[in-house]
Amino acid sequence: MRRYDLAIAWCWEYDADLVFQIDVECGISGILSYLIHSHNLSETLRLIKEGELRFRFFFDRASDLDENFEELVDVMMDEGTEMINDPRRVRLAIDKAAMQKKFSARGIDVPYTVVLPPWEKRPEAGSIPLSRLGKPFVVKPACGGCGDGVITDARTQQDIQKARQQFPDDKYLVQKKVEPIMINGRRAWFRVFFAFGEILPCWWDDQTKIADVLSISGIDRKIYERMVGVMRKIAHITKLDLFSTELALNHQGKLLVIDHVNDQVDLRRKSSCLDGVPDEVVDRIVNNLVNWVRKRVRRRGIRRESRLCKKM
């Protein structure tokens, strides 16, 4: 039986650079990595089922885009492979309605929000306090991603009802729109990455979609520390290994969570795509992932050696 330390499943063409970078770093660190793409998916599944192939850790970058990879995720879990971002935790973490409630309970600031049930369960929206939302306001599906179904300029009850019908089986959030303050000529809007224990904040302009590294010297230290504190709370709530969150600082001084938890983080490099993630941040994420796997592989090896010594 062949055993690898890390399997990486991917299918998005823009993930190629990321996946190959991880693969190279694994080789340098002495980690045995195995890449799974559409061309070897069936063979890999067969070898796992026949007991000829095993993996210690699995990084899934494919099943959310290609349903053909869903069986692979199930098989990995059945085999006891440790998942980077356990799918059971992901299902809860990406539900914005569920996270909204948990965040509020933990003292994490969020915009004023009304949560509506799925259209197919209850088409009528009921009474919505539009005066508290202001105009325009935001309407978005609870489990959507990549901005799908999000309306940022809603003004009427009719706009809400129309939005809810785009994804009729999903809950919807109707939210007060946040206007950030300006800091040194920048909108105080941020995309912050949690990567295997390390917090990596970025400026992220919600209008241009351009990101830049945010250093502790580039912003008031207290704001930076609040950002780190919020991310640690979210990491504790979700128990995820890798995710990103959007934050914005409003005119009342509140650091608000705008986009709760992004699980399949877009990690295109800025040097290749204008709206990508700063290269330094991608490098840190890759480095942290590889070190995270390496430490656990080594720990398992030590435990195994210890058990063998006791038997002898």
Protein backbone atom coordinates (compact mmCIF):
# COMPACT_ATOMS: atom_id res chain seq x y z
CA MET A 1 0.00 0.00 0.00
CA ARG A 2 1.26 3.49 -0.88
CA ARG A 3 0.74 6.15 1.78
CA TYR A 4 1.06 9.89 1.13
CA ASP A 5 1.12 12.69 3.66
CA LEU A 6 -1.02 15.20 1.77
CA ALA A 7 -3.54 14.90 -1.06
CA ILE A 8 -4.68 18.04 -2.89
CA ALA A 9 -7.77 17.93 -5.09
CA TRP A 10 -8.20 20.78 -7.55
CA CYS A 11 -10.04 21.58 -10.78
CA TRP A 12 -10.05 25.38 -11.16
CA GLU A 13 -7.47 26.45 -13.73
CA TYR A 14 -6.52 29.50 -11.65
CA ASP A 15 -5.55 27.21 -8.76
CA ALA A 16 -2.69 25.68 -10.75
CA ASP A 17 0.00 28.05 -9.46
CA LEU A 18 -1.14 27.59 -5.87
CA VAL A 19 -1.30 23.81 -6.06
CA PHE A 20 2.08 23.48 -7.75
CA GLN A 21 3.63 25.86 -5.20
CA ILE A 22 2.30 23.70 -2.36
CA ASP A 23 3.59 20.59 -4.12
CA VAL A 24 7.09 22.05 -4.47
CA GLU A 25 7.18 23.24 -0.85
CA CYS A 26 6.07 19.79 0.29
CA GLY A 27 8.98 18.25 -1.59
CA ILE A 28 11.44 20.66 0.04
CA SER A 29 10.02 19.85 3.49
CA GLY A 30 10.09 16.11 2.96
CA ILE A 31 6.31 15.76 2.75
CA LEU A 32 4.91 13.25 0.27
CA SER A 33 2.19 15.05 -1.71
CA TYR A 34 -0.25 13.72 -4.27
CA LEU A 35 -2.25 15.88 -6.70
CA ILE A 36 -5.74 14.86 -7.77
CA HIS A 37 -7.27 16.39 -10.89
CA SER A 38 -10.02 15.28 -13.24
CA HIS A 39 -7.60 13.13 -15.23
CA ASN A 40 -6.68 10.87 -12.29
CA LEU A 41 -9.77 11.18 -10.09
CA SER A 42 -11.31 7.82 -11.08
CA GLU A 43 -8.04 5.96 -10.73
CA THR A 44 -7.38 7.51 -7.33
CA LEU A 45 -10.83 6.52 -6.08
CA ARG A 46 -10.29 2.96 -7.29
CA LEU A 47 -6.90 2.65 -5.59
CA ILE A 48 -8.28 3.99 -2.30
CA LYS A 49 -11.25 1.59 -2.37
CA GLU A 50 -8.95 -1.34 -3.16
CA GLY A 51 -6.72 -0.46 -0.21
CA GLU A 52 -3.70 0.39 -2.34
CA LEU A 53 -3.59 4.10 -1.56
CA ARG A 54 -3.93 6.07 1.67
CA PHE A 55 -3.55 9.72 2.70
CA ARG A 56 -2.95 11.32 6.07
CA PHE A 57 -4.29 14.79 5.17
CA PHE A 58 -6.57 16.12 2.44
CA PHE A 59 -6.90 19.64 1.05
CA ASP A 60 -10.06 19.90 -1.04
CA ARG A 61 -10.11 22.68 -3.67
CA ALA A 62 -12.48 20.95 -6.07
CA SER A 63 -15.73 19.55 -4.69
CA ASP A 64 -17.44 22.94 -4.45
CA LEU A 65 -16.93 23.43 -8.20
CA ASP A 66 -17.19 19.90 -9.56
CA GLU A 67 -19.65 17.42 -8.06
CA ASN A 68 -17.55 14.55 -9.42
CA PHE A 69 -15.15 15.20 -6.52
CA GLU A 70 -17.84 14.81 -3.86
CA GLU A 71 -17.37 11.05 -3.71
CA LEU A 72 -13.66 11.61 -3.12
CA VAL A 73 -14.43 13.76 -0.07
CA ASP A 74 -16.77 11.08 1.30
CA VAL A 75 -14.21 8.32 0.73
CA MET A 76 -11.45 10.33 2.40
CA MET A 77 -13.61 10.90 5.45
CA ASP A 78 -14.60 7.23 5.60
CA GLU A 79 -10.91 6.30 5.55
CA GLY A 80 -10.18 8.61 8.48
CA THR A 81 -8.10 11.06 6.48
CA GLU A 82 -7.73 14.36 8.36
CA MET A 83 -9.41 17.12 6.39
CA ILE A 84 -8.06 20.64 6.05
CA ASN A 85 -11.33 22.41 6.83
CA ASP A 86 -13.58 19.56 7.90
CA PRO A 87 -16.69 19.60 5.63
CA ARG A 88 -18.98 19.17 8.64
CA ARG A 89 -17.64 22.39 10.13
CA VAL A 90 -17.67 24.15 6.77
CA ARG A 91 -21.40 23.53 6.31
CA LEU A 92 -22.16 25.54 9.44
CA ALA A 93 -19.44 28.16 8.95
CA ILE A 94 -20.61 29.25 5.49
CA ASP A 95 -24.20 29.75 6.67
CA LYS A 96 -24.24 33.52 7.19
CA ALA A 97 -27.52 33.37 9.10
CA ALA A 98 -26.13 30.87 11.61
CA MET A 99 -22.85 32.77 11.94
CA GLN A 100 -24.70 36.07 12.39
CA LYS A 101 -26.36 34.66 15.49
CA LYS A 102 -23.16 33.13 16.88
CA PHE A 103 -21.10 36.25 16.23
CA SER A 104 -23.61 38.50 17.98
CA ALA A 105 -23.64 36.17 20.98
CA ARG A 106 -19.83 36.37 21.19
CA GLY A 107 -19.73 40.16 21.02
CA ILE A 108 -18.57 40.39 17.42
CA ASP A 109 -20.07 43.46 15.74
CA VAL A 110 -22.23 42.87 12.65
CA PRO A 111 -24.46 45.24 10.67
CA TYR A 112 -28.14 45.47 11.63
CA THR A 113 -29.68 42.44 9.92
CA VAL A 114 -33.05 40.82 9.34
CA VAL A 115 -32.89 37.09 8.50
CA LEU A 116 -35.64 35.74 6.25
CA PRO A 117 -36.57 32.07 5.71
CA PRO A 118 -36.26 30.46 2.26
CA TRP A 119 -38.79 31.66 -0.30
CA GLU A 120 -39.99 28.12 -0.98
CA LYS A 121 -40.85 27.66 2.72
CA ARG A 122 -42.41 31.07 3.31
CA PRO A 123 -42.85 33.34 0.29
CA GLU A 124 -44.25 36.24 2.33
CA ALA A 125 -41.50 38.30 3.95
CA GLY A 126 -43.60 39.72 6.73
CA SER A 127 -43.01 43.15 8.19
CA ILE A 128 -39.45 44.37 7.60
CA PRO A 129 -38.32 47.58 9.37
CA LEU A 130 -37.02 49.35 6.28
CA SER A 131 -36.55 52.57 8.25
CA ARG A 132 -33.90 50.88 10.42
CA LEU A 133 -32.12 49.50 7.37
CA GLY A 134 -31.82 52.84 5.61
CA LYS A 135 -31.52 53.21 1.85
CA PRO A 136 -29.96 51.62 0.00
CA PHE A 137 -29.57 48.36 1.91
CA VAL A 138 -28.03 44.96 1.15
CA VAL A 139 -29.81 41.67 0.40
CA LYS A 140 -27.81 38.44 0.18
CA PRO A 141 -28.33 34.66 0.38
CA ALA A 142 -27.18 33.03 3.60
CA CYS A 143 -25.07 30.35 1.92
CA GLY A 144 -23.98 32.16 -1.22
CA GLY A 145 -20.43 32.84 -2.31
CA CYS A 146 -18.43 34.96 -4.76
CA GLY A 147 -21.08 37.66 -4.58
CA ASP A 148 -23.72 35.46 -6.22
CA GLY A 149 -27.23 36.76 -5.55
CA VAL A 150 -26.00 39.78 -3.57
CA ILE A 151 -27.83 43.08 -4.13
CA THR A 152 -26.10 46.13 -2.66
CA ASP A 153 -28.56 48.81 -3.75
CA ALA A 154 -31.95 47.44 -2.62
CA ARG A 155 -34.53 50.06 -1.62
CA THR A 156 -37.94 48.43 -1.42
CA GLN A 157 -39.77 45.36 -0.15
CA GLN A 158 -40.19 44.37 -3.80
CA ASP A 159 -36.39 44.33 -4.21
CA ILE A 160 -36.16 41.91 -1.28
CA GLN A 161 -38.80 39.59 -2.68
CA LYS A 162 -37.20 39.58 -6.11
CA ALA A 163 -33.80 38.75 -4.60
CA ARG A 164 -35.18 35.87 -2.51
CA GLN A 165 -36.43 34.12 -5.63
CA GLN A 166 -32.93 33.81 -7.10
CA PHE A 167 -32.08 31.06 -4.59
CA PRO A 168 -35.53 30.05 -3.27
CA ASP A 169 -34.19 27.25 -1.05
CA ASP A 170 -31.80 29.52 0.83
CA LYS A 171 -32.33 31.88 3.75
CA TYR A 172 -31.67 35.56 3.07
CA LEU A 173 -30.05 38.35 5.04
CA VAL A 174 -31.39 41.90 4.67
CA GLN A 175 -28.65 44.15 5.99
CA LYS A 176 -27.94 47.79 6.73
CA LYS A 177 -25.34 48.99 4.23
CA VAL A 178 -21.99 49.91 5.75
CA GLU A 179 -20.11 53.00 4.63
CA PRO A 180 -16.52 52.78 5.89
CA ILE A 181 -14.40 55.67 7.06
CA MET A 182 -11.30 56.70 5.11
CA ILE A 183 -7.84 55.96 6.50
CA ASN A 184 -4.87 57.57 4.74
CA GLY A 185 -6.90 57.88 1.55
CA ARG A 186 -8.15 54.28 1.68
CA ARG A 187 -11.59 52.89 2.41
CA ALA A 188 -11.36 51.12 5.78
CA TRP A 189 -12.46 47.80 4.31
CA PHE A 190 -10.38 44.71 4.92
CA ARG A 191 -10.08 41.08 3.91
CA VAL A 192 -8.38 39.16 6.67
CA PHE A 193 -7.04 35.63 6.30
CA PHE A 194 -6.79 33.05 9.05
CA ALA A 195 -4.17 30.54 7.95
CA PHE A 196 -3.39 27.69 10.33
CA GLY A 197 -3.15 29.95 13.36
CA GLU A 198 -1.66 33.04 11.71
CA ILE A 199 -3.77 36.12 10.96
CA LEU A 200 -2.92 37.98 7.75
CA PRO A 201 -4.81 41.26 7.29
CA CYS A 202 -5.14 42.99 3.92
CA TRP A 203 -6.62 46.23 2.75
CA TRP A 204 -9.40 45.24 0.38
CA ASP A 205 -11.28 47.89 -1.55
CA ASP A 206 -14.85 46.64 -1.89
CA GLN A 207 -15.35 48.85 -4.95
CA THR A 208 -12.19 48.12 -6.97
CA LYS A 209 -11.60 44.61 -5.50
CA ILE A 210 -7.89 45.45 -5.16
CA ALA A 211 -6.01 44.05 -2.16
CA ASP A 212 -2.77 45.13 -0.48
CA VAL A 213 -0.91 43.89 2.55
CA LEU A 214 -1.89 45.66 5.76
CA SER A 215 1.02 46.03 8.16
CA ILE A 216 0.67 46.94 11.82
CA SER A 217 2.51 50.18 11.05
CA GLY A 218 -0.02 51.10 8.36
CA ILE A 219 -2.96 51.54 10.71
CA ASP A 220 -3.75 52.45 14.30
CA ARG A 221 -2.41 49.65 16.49
CA LYS A 222 -5.68 49.40 18.44
CA ILE A 223 -7.66 48.82 15.23
CA TYR A 224 -5.16 46.20 14.13
CA GLU A 225 -5.38 44.42 17.48
CA ARG A 226 -9.19 44.50 17.37
CA MET A 227 -9.03 42.92 13.91
CA VAL A 228 -6.81 40.15 15.22
CA GLY A 229 -9.13 39.61 18.19
CA VAL A 230 -12.19 39.32 15.96
CA MET A 231 -10.46 36.76 13.73
CA ARG A 232 -9.39 34.66 16.70
CA LYS A 233 -12.97 34.61 17.96
CA ILE A 234 -14.22 33.53 14.52
CA ALA A 235 -11.57 30.82 14.31
CA HIS A 236 -12.63 29.54 17.74
CA ILE A 237 -16.30 29.49 16.68
CA THR A 238 -15.77 27.79 13.30
CA LYS A 239 -12.79 25.54 14.13
CA LEU A 240 -11.59 25.99 10.52
CA ASP A 241 -7.94 25.83 9.50
CA LEU A 242 -8.07 28.28 6.60
CA PHE A 243 -10.64 30.98 5.81
CA SER A 244 -11.04 34.68 5.17
CA THR A 245 -13.44 37.31 6.52
CA GLU A 246 -14.40 40.79 5.33
CA LEU A 247 -14.34 43.57 7.92
CA ALA A 248 -15.11 47.28 7.70
CA LEU A 249 -14.63 50.17 10.12
CA ASN A 250 -17.65 52.47 10.16
CA HIS A 251 -18.02 56.10 11.22
CA GLN A 252 -19.13 55.07 14.72
CA GLY A 253 -15.83 53.27 15.25
CA LYS A 254 -17.30 49.78 15.01
CA LEU A 255 -15.30 47.07 13.28
CA LEU A 256 -18.08 45.18 11.53
CA VAL A 257 -18.04 41.71 10.00
CA ILE A 258 -19.37 42.17 6.46
CA ASP A 259 -18.75 38.76 4.90
CA HIS A 260 -18.66 36.17 7.66
CA VAL A 261 -16.59 33.18 6.54
CA ASN A 262 -15.16 32.35 3.12
CA ASP A 263 -14.06 28.72 3.12
CA GLN A 264 -12.80 28.23 -0.42
CA VAL A 265 -10.47 31.18 -0.32
CA ASP A 266 -9.56 32.70 -3.69
CA LEU A 267 -5.75 32.51 -3.67
CA ARG A 268 -4.83 33.82 -7.09
CA ARG A 269 -1.62 35.82 -6.81
CA LYS A 270 -1.76 39.56 -7.36
CA SER A 271 1.31 39.37 -9.59
CA SER A 272 -0.77 37.25 -11.99
CA CYS A 273 -4.24 38.77 -11.46
CA LEU A 274 -4.87 42.42 -10.63
CA ASP A 275 -7.64 41.52 -8.17
CA GLY A 276 -5.66 38.66 -6.63
CA VAL A 277 -4.23 38.21 -3.15
CA PRO A 278 -0.87 39.90 -2.41
CA ASP A 279 1.93 37.48 -3.22
CA GLU A 280 3.41 37.76 0.29
CA VAL A 281 0.12 36.62 1.79
CA VAL A 282 -0.19 33.64 -0.57
CA ASP A 283 3.38 32.65 0.28
CA ARG A 284 2.63 32.80 4.01
CA ILE A 285 -0.51 30.69 3.58
CA VAL A 286 1.38 28.04 1.61
CA ASN A 287 4.21 28.05 4.12
CA ASN A 288 1.80 27.72 7.03
CA LEU A 289 -0.11 24.88 5.36
CA VAL A 290 3.05 22.89 4.66
CA ASN A 291 4.41 23.47 8.17
CA TRP A 292 1.05 22.50 9.66
CA VAL A 293 1.13 19.17 7.79
CA ARG A 294 4.84 18.59 8.48
CA LYS A 295 4.44 19.04 12.24
CA ARG A 296 1.51 16.65 12.37
CA VAL A 297 3.21 14.04 10.22
CA ARG A 298 6.26 14.24 12.47
CA ARG A 299 4.09 14.02 15.60
CA ARG A 300 2.32 10.93 14.27
CA GLY A 301 5.68 9.40 13.41
CA ILE A 302 6.96 9.99 16.94
CA ARG A 303 3.82 8.44 18.43
CA ARG A 304 4.17 5.44 16.13
CA GLU A 305 7.85 4.97 17.07
CA SER A 306 6.89 5.25 20.74
CA ARG A 307 4.28 2.52 20.39
CA LEU A 308 6.76 0.27 18.57
CA CYS A 309 9.36 0.78 21.30
CA LYS A 310 6.83 -0.16 24.00
CA LYS A 311 5.95 -3.34 22.11
CA MET A 312 9.62 -4.30 21.86
